[in-house]
Amino acid sequence: MSSSKKLGFTLSFDYLRPSLCHDLVTLIDNSNFTHLFIPERWGHDAFTQVISLSRYTSELILGTGIVNLFSRTPAILAQTAASIHELTEGRFILGLGLSGPIVIQNWHGMNFYQPSPIQRTREYLEVLRLILSGERVNYDSGEIFFLKGFKLSSFNTPLDIPLFLAAMGSKNVQITGELADGWFPIWTSFTEIPSYKKDLEFGFSKRRPGLRPKEEMEIASYILTCVSDTENAKNLIQRNLAYYIGGMGTFYYEIIKRFGFIEEANRIRAAFQAGDREGAAKSVSQEMLDHIAVVGSSDYVVKRYQELRQQGTNLPVVMLPHNCTPELAIDTIGAFNQ
């Protein structure tokens, strides 16, 4: 499959009722989309959704996009991934990420910062690689995980399950290049991907033997997308961005500032924390939308995705905004069938 042909989509029972998601998968399966990624928040778990949706497609590659590196041990995550890999006949990607301190500490009840999140990322991927290899796992070189004497049973190993990592910080992007098969940059700025190539290249320089060559690294950028030139569609995107920037701690807030939108980020955060969600949404400027999201006519959206590929994204992922209507979802899917 040519990298220029790869195109992803996200679906979740948290945002659209399961029966509608099933219908949409059938529509996506008969379109130009090649991948389907399922996020996980604090509602439906991602793996149950992947299994449910896999019944409605025989072609799409399915993946978690993402599950966090805290709430499941590497062993149980490897067992789950191996099971779904078998059920989908090899059409599964395990998408991972740190999530953020608010979710990890306030929902999962775990310390996000101790030990270091970077250390957790490295050890988690190293342990997963060992387990999926089918070898007996003796891992005693880490600070977090210590495994001894067991190996994955019941599967024909080694298992070729691609591991994708969500990363935006410099060190985590380096780990992506060193240990992962794909990279999920969220809210990818249309001008930022080239600037991360140095971190990826540094990771590639330390890449372990036996992993996919760096030329096969998938850059799966998540793009908030609405195919509609209505004010309502624009407002949906603005509300989504405002929620994450203003209400989800500092992680997304810092990403937006890193992209150069310091004044906007401060206004959004101040309005949101004051309870003015509408004011927070209106503080998302047109320039910010143009920089990290796509909303407009079908021709405009397709053109912007072409520009994204030119910047280095070889697996762009269409991410619908929360509270998207079924009609808007169908229109957005249809735009990519041109």
Protein backbone atom coordinates (compact mmCIF):
# COMPACT_ATOMS: atom_id res chain seq x y z
CA MET A 1 0.00 0.00 0.00
CA SER A 2 1.49 3.34 -1.02
CA SER A 3 1.97 5.76 1.86
CA SER A 4 0.20 8.41 -0.21
CA LYS A 5 -2.93 6.27 -0.06
CA LYS A 6 -3.06 5.86 3.72
CA LEU A 7 -5.82 7.74 5.51
CA GLY A 8 -7.19 7.30 9.01
CA PHE A 9 -10.42 8.10 10.81
CA THR A 10 -11.42 8.17 14.47
CA LEU A 11 -14.66 6.89 15.96
CA SER A 12 -15.85 6.49 19.53
CA PHE A 13 -19.00 5.29 21.26
CA ASP A 14 -18.40 8.18 23.65
CA TYR A 15 -19.34 10.68 20.94
CA LEU A 16 -21.67 8.78 18.62
CA ARG A 17 -24.04 5.99 19.62
CA PRO A 18 -22.72 2.46 18.90
CA SER A 19 -25.31 1.67 16.21
CA LEU A 20 -24.33 4.82 14.31
CA CYS A 21 -20.63 3.97 14.65
CA HIS A 22 -21.37 0.55 13.14
CA ASP A 23 -23.10 2.20 10.20
CA LEU A 24 -20.25 4.66 9.75
CA VAL A 25 -17.65 1.88 9.75
CA THR A 26 -19.48 0.24 6.86
CA LEU A 27 -19.40 3.58 5.03
CA ILE A 28 -15.71 4.13 5.86
CA ASP A 29 -14.88 0.58 4.80
CA ASN A 30 -16.21 1.34 1.31
CA SER A 31 -14.26 4.56 0.96
CA ASN A 32 -10.68 5.77 0.60
CA PHE A 33 -9.95 5.30 4.31
CA THR A 34 -7.45 2.60 5.27
CA HIS A 35 -7.23 2.91 9.07
CA LEU A 36 -9.67 3.34 11.95
CA PHE A 37 -8.44 4.52 15.35
CA ILE A 38 -10.44 4.32 18.59
CA PRO A 39 -9.65 6.76 21.42
CA GLU A 40 -10.13 6.07 25.11
CA ARG A 41 -11.17 8.61 27.73
CA TRP A 42 -13.20 7.77 30.82
CA GLY A 43 -16.20 6.16 29.14
CA HIS A 44 -16.17 3.19 26.77
CA ASP A 45 -12.88 1.33 26.78
CA ALA A 46 -11.02 1.27 23.48
CA PHE A 47 -10.50 -2.48 23.15
CA THR A 48 -14.19 -3.38 23.43
CA GLN A 49 -14.93 -0.82 20.74
CA VAL A 50 -12.22 -2.19 18.43
CA ILE A 51 -13.65 -5.69 18.73
CA SER A 52 -17.21 -4.46 18.18
CA LEU A 53 -16.32 -2.35 15.15
CA SER A 54 -14.09 -5.03 13.62
CA ARG A 55 -17.22 -7.06 12.83
CA TYR A 56 -18.28 -4.42 10.29
CA THR A 57 -15.09 -4.29 8.24
CA SER A 58 -12.85 -6.82 6.54
CA GLU A 59 -10.34 -4.32 5.16
CA LEU A 60 -9.69 -1.50 7.62
CA ILE A 61 -6.67 -1.63 9.90
CA LEU A 62 -7.94 -0.96 13.42
CA GLY A 63 -6.04 0.56 16.29
CA THR A 64 -6.28 2.12 19.70
CA GLY A 65 -5.66 5.79 19.47
CA ILE A 66 -4.74 5.92 22.31
CA VAL A 67 -4.73 3.86 25.51
CA ASN A 68 -2.67 5.17 28.39
CA LEU A 69 0.52 3.71 29.85
CA PHE A 70 -0.67 3.71 33.47
CA SER A 71 -3.97 1.91 34.00
CA ARG A 72 -2.92 -1.47 32.56
CA THR A 73 0.30 -3.41 33.11
CA PRO A 74 2.48 -4.08 30.06
CA ALA A 75 1.68 -7.79 30.41
CA ILE A 76 -2.12 -7.42 30.35
CA LEU A 77 -1.86 -4.88 27.53
CA ALA A 78 0.29 -7.32 25.52
CA GLN A 79 -2.22 -10.13 26.16
CA THR A 80 -5.09 -7.91 25.03
CA ALA A 81 -3.22 -6.73 21.94
CA ALA A 82 -2.28 -10.32 21.02
CA SER A 83 -5.91 -11.43 21.37
CA ILE A 84 -7.23 -8.64 19.12
CA HIS A 85 -4.40 -9.18 16.65
CA GLU A 86 -5.58 -12.79 16.36
CA LEU A 87 -9.29 -11.91 16.14
CA THR A 88 -8.69 -9.33 13.39
CA GLU A 89 -6.26 -11.56 11.49
CA GLY A 90 -3.38 -9.14 11.91
CA ARG A 91 -5.27 -5.89 11.27
CA PHE A 92 -4.44 -4.28 14.61
CA ILE A 93 -2.24 -1.42 15.78
CA LEU A 94 -1.56 -0.81 19.47
CA GLY A 95 -1.60 2.97 19.96
CA LEU A 96 -0.17 4.15 23.29
CA GLY A 97 0.46 7.38 25.13
CA LEU A 98 0.97 8.97 28.51
CA SER A 99 -2.39 10.77 28.52
CA GLY A 100 -2.15 13.65 31.02
CA PRO A 101 -1.83 14.26 34.75
CA ILE A 102 -5.49 15.21 35.30
CA VAL A 103 -6.77 11.92 33.87
CA ILE A 104 -4.06 9.74 35.37
CA GLN A 105 -4.18 11.23 38.85
CA ASN A 106 -7.84 12.16 39.24
CA TRP A 107 -9.42 9.23 37.39
CA HIS A 108 -6.92 6.37 37.63
CA GLY A 109 -5.55 7.42 41.02
CA MET A 110 -1.90 7.12 40.01
CA ASN A 111 1.02 9.50 40.23
CA PHE A 112 1.78 10.88 36.78
CA TYR A 113 5.19 12.27 37.61
CA GLN A 114 6.83 9.65 39.83
CA PRO A 115 8.70 7.89 38.38
CA SER A 116 9.38 10.05 35.35
CA PRO A 117 6.79 9.81 32.53
CA ILE A 118 9.70 9.55 30.08
CA GLN A 119 11.08 6.58 32.02
CA ARG A 120 7.66 4.93 32.02
CA THR A 121 7.35 5.34 28.25
CA ARG A 122 10.75 3.77 27.59
CA GLU A 123 10.28 0.83 29.95
CA TYR A 124 6.74 0.15 28.79
CA LEU A 125 7.77 -0.15 25.14
CA GLU A 126 10.81 -2.25 26.01
CA VAL A 127 8.69 -4.69 28.03
CA LEU A 128 6.00 -4.88 25.33
CA ARG A 129 8.64 -5.68 22.72
CA LEU A 130 10.00 -8.49 24.88
CA ILE A 131 6.57 -10.00 25.56
CA LEU A 132 5.42 -9.88 21.95
CA SER A 133 8.67 -11.53 20.84
CA GLY A 134 7.51 -14.72 22.56
CA GLU A 135 10.73 -15.04 24.53
CA ARG A 136 10.78 -15.69 28.25
CA VAL A 137 10.69 -12.26 29.82
CA ASN A 138 13.33 -11.35 32.34
CA TYR A 139 13.33 -7.59 32.68
CA ASP A 140 15.30 -6.20 35.60
CA SER A 141 17.00 -3.16 34.12
CA GLY A 142 14.22 -0.66 34.80
CA GLU A 143 13.05 1.51 37.65
CA ILE A 144 9.34 0.74 37.33
CA PHE A 145 8.81 -2.74 35.92
CA PHE A 146 10.42 -6.01 37.02
CA LEU A 147 9.30 -9.16 35.20
CA LYS A 148 10.72 -12.65 35.65
CA GLY A 149 10.26 -16.08 34.21
CA PHE A 150 7.02 -15.81 32.23
CA LYS A 151 6.40 -15.75 28.50
CA LEU A 152 3.29 -15.11 26.42
CA SER A 153 1.40 -18.36 25.89
CA SER A 154 -1.27 -19.55 23.42
CA PHE A 155 -0.07 -17.44 20.48
CA ASN A 156 2.26 -18.10 17.57
CA THR A 157 5.08 -15.72 18.32
CA PRO A 158 6.75 -13.43 17.52
CA LEU A 159 3.74 -11.19 16.99
CA ASP A 160 4.09 -8.39 14.47
CA ILE A 161 1.87 -5.81 16.16
CA PRO A 162 2.81 -2.23 15.27
CA LEU A 163 3.29 0.01 18.30
CA PHE A 164 2.34 3.66 17.79
CA LEU A 165 3.23 6.30 20.35
CA ALA A 166 1.50 9.62 21.03
CA ALA A 167 4.25 12.12 21.72
CA MET A 168 4.82 15.87 21.46
CA GLY A 169 7.69 16.52 23.86
CA SER A 170 11.20 16.30 22.46
CA LYS A 171 12.32 13.29 24.53
CA ASN A 172 9.18 11.28 23.85
CA VAL A 173 9.49 11.96 20.12
CA GLN A 174 13.04 10.65 20.35
CA ILE A 175 11.77 7.49 22.06
CA THR A 176 9.23 7.15 19.25
CA GLY A 177 12.03 7.09 16.69
CA GLU A 178 13.99 4.60 18.77
CA LEU A 179 11.31 2.11 19.83
CA ALA A 180 7.98 2.67 18.03
CA ASP A 181 6.58 1.92 14.58
CA GLY A 182 4.35 4.97 14.33
CA TRP A 183 3.92 8.42 15.80
CA PHE A 184 0.68 10.12 16.83
CA PRO A 185 1.22 13.90 17.00
CA ILE A 186 -2.07 15.41 18.18
CA TRP A 187 -3.29 18.73 16.78
CA THR A 188 -0.46 18.78 14.34
CA SER A 189 0.45 22.25 13.27
CA PHE A 190 0.71 22.47 9.50
CA THR A 191 4.16 23.98 9.92
CA GLU A 192 5.51 22.00 12.88
CA ILE A 193 6.08 18.46 11.57
CA PRO A 194 9.42 19.29 9.89
CA SER A 195 10.74 20.76 13.17
CA TYR A 196 10.22 17.41 14.92
CA LYS A 197 12.27 15.50 12.36
CA LYS A 198 15.49 16.15 14.29
CA ASP A 199 14.09 14.41 17.36
CA LEU A 200 12.85 11.48 15.26
CA GLU A 201 16.22 11.22 13.54
CA PHE A 202 18.00 11.19 16.91
CA GLY A 203 15.78 8.30 17.96
CA PHE A 204 16.39 6.51 14.67
CA SER A 205 20.14 6.70 15.31
CA LYS A 206 19.59 4.51 18.40
CA ARG A 207 16.98 2.21 16.82
CA ARG A 208 17.20 -1.42 17.90
CA PRO A 209 17.96 -4.20 15.39
CA GLY A 210 14.89 -6.14 14.30
CA LEU A 211 12.48 -3.19 14.30
CA ARG A 212 10.92 -1.81 11.15
CA PRO A 213 13.29 0.46 9.21
CA LYS A 214 12.86 4.17 9.78
CA GLU A 215 11.56 4.57 6.22
CA GLU A 216 8.43 2.68 7.31
CA MET A 217 7.69 4.98 10.27
CA GLU A 218 4.06 6.09 10.13
CA ILE A 219 3.38 9.71 11.05
CA ALA A 220 -0.31 9.63 11.94
CA SER A 221 -1.27 13.22 12.64
CA TYR A 222 -4.67 13.78 14.25
CA ILE A 223 -6.52 16.67 12.62
CA LEU A 224 -9.75 18.11 13.99
CA THR A 225 -11.87 18.20 10.84
CA CYS A 226 -15.35 19.31 9.74
CA VAL A 227 -16.48 19.34 6.14
CA SER A 228 -18.88 22.25 6.40
CA ASP A 229 -18.58 25.98 5.81
CA THR A 230 -21.23 26.81 8.40
CA GLU A 231 -20.61 28.89 11.49
CA ASN A 232 -21.88 25.99 13.61
CA ALA A 233 -19.15 23.68 12.34
CA LYS A 234 -16.51 26.27 13.07
CA ASN A 235 -17.92 26.74 16.56
CA LEU A 236 -17.80 22.99 17.20
CA ILE A 237 -14.06 22.99 16.47
CA GLN A 238 -13.54 26.09 18.60
CA ARG A 239 -15.39 24.51 21.54
CA ASN A 240 -13.31 21.34 21.28
CA LEU A 241 -10.05 23.24 21.29
CA ALA A 242 -11.18 25.51 24.14
CA TYR A 243 -12.15 22.51 26.28
CA TYR A 244 -8.73 20.91 26.00
CA ILE A 245 -6.73 24.12 26.24
CA GLY A 246 -8.73 25.56 29.12
CA GLY A 247 -10.03 22.55 30.99
CA MET A 248 -7.52 19.70 30.68
CA GLY A 249 -4.62 20.92 32.76
CA THR A 250 -1.48 22.38 31.24
CA PHE A 251 -0.49 19.83 28.58
CA TYR A 252 -2.63 21.07 25.66
CA TYR A 253 -2.28 24.64 26.86
CA GLU A 254 1.50 24.35 26.59
CA ILE A 255 1.28 22.74 23.13
CA ILE A 256 -0.71 25.69 21.81
CA LYS A 257 1.76 28.15 23.32
CA ARG A 258 4.60 26.21 21.72
CA PHE A 259 2.88 26.73 18.37
CA GLY A 260 3.09 30.48 19.00
CA PHE A 261 -0.45 31.22 20.21
CA ILE A 262 0.52 32.49 23.64
CA GLU A 263 -2.03 35.32 23.97
CA GLU A 264 -4.87 33.17 22.65
CA ALA A 265 -3.97 30.31 24.98
CA ASN A 266 -3.98 32.64 27.98
CA ARG A 267 -7.36 34.13 27.04
CA ILE A 268 -8.89 30.71 26.44
CA ARG A 269 -7.61 29.36 29.73
CA ALA A 270 -8.73 32.41 31.72
CA ALA A 271 -12.24 32.39 30.24
CA PHE A 272 -12.69 28.65 30.65
CA GLN A 273 -11.56 28.63 34.26
CA ALA A 274 -13.91 31.55 34.95
CA GLY A 275 -16.79 29.40 33.71
CA ASP A 276 -17.21 31.29 30.44
CA ARG A 277 -17.03 28.43 27.96
CA GLU A 278 -18.56 30.45 25.14
CA GLY A 279 -16.00 33.18 25.66
CA ALA A 280 -13.24 30.56 25.70
CA ALA A 281 -14.46 29.16 22.38
CA LYS A 282 -14.62 32.60 20.78
CA SER A 283 -11.03 33.20 21.88
CA VAL A 284 -9.91 30.46 19.48
CA SER A 285 -8.80 32.67 16.61
CA GLN A 286 -9.19 32.00 12.90
CA GLU A 287 -5.41 31.90 12.64
CA MET A 288 -5.29 29.13 15.25
CA LEU A 289 -7.97 27.18 13.39
CA ASP A 290 -6.06 27.52 10.13
CA HIS A 291 -2.90 26.37 11.89
CA ILE A 292 -4.08 23.14 13.54
CA ALA A 293 -7.59 22.24 12.30
CA VAL A 294 -9.51 21.96 9.05
CA VAL A 295 -13.06 23.24 8.65
CA GLY A 296 -14.67 24.31 5.38
CA SER A 297 -15.85 23.02 2.02
CA SER A 298 -14.91 19.56 0.80
CA ASP A 299 -12.48 20.99 -1.77
CA TYR A 300 -10.79 23.11 0.89
CA VAL A 301 -10.47 20.18 3.31
CA VAL A 302 -8.98 17.86 0.69
CA LYS A 303 -6.49 20.55 -0.34
CA ARG A 304 -5.39 21.07 3.28
CA TYR A 305 -4.82 17.34 3.72
CA GLN A 306 -2.65 17.34 0.61
CA GLU A 307 -0.59 20.13 2.18
CA LEU A 308 -0.28 18.10 5.36
CA ARG A 309 1.14 15.15 3.42
CA GLN A 310 3.65 17.48 1.79
CA GLN A 311 4.84 18.47 5.27
CA GLY A 312 5.65 14.82 6.10
CA THR A 313 2.45 13.26 7.45
CA ASN A 314 2.03 9.93 5.64
CA LEU A 315 -1.03 8.73 7.57
CA PRO A 316 -3.28 11.73 8.31
CA VAL A 317 -6.13 10.92 10.69
CA VAL A 318 -9.50 12.67 10.47
CA MET A 319 -10.73 13.48 13.97
CA LEU A 320 -14.34 14.59 14.28
CA PRO A 321 -15.17 17.15 16.98
CA HIS A 322 -17.18 16.11 20.01
CA ASN A 323 -20.92 16.70 19.56
CA CYS A 324 -20.58 16.22 15.83
CA THR A 325 -23.92 15.41 14.20
CA PRO A 326 -24.40 12.22 12.14
CA GLU A 327 -24.97 14.36 9.05
CA LEU A 328 -21.69 16.19 9.56
CA ALA A 329 -19.86 12.90 10.09
CA ILE A 330 -21.26 11.49 6.84
CA ASP A 331 -20.39 14.67 4.91
CA THR A 332 -16.85 14.58 6.26
CA ILE A 333 -16.35 10.95 5.28
CA GLY A 334 -17.77 11.64 1.82
CA ALA A 335 -15.35 14.47 1.13
CA PHE A 336 -12.45 12.04 1.03
CA ASN A 337 -14.03 9.85 -1.64
CA GLN A 338 -13.37 12.37 -4.39
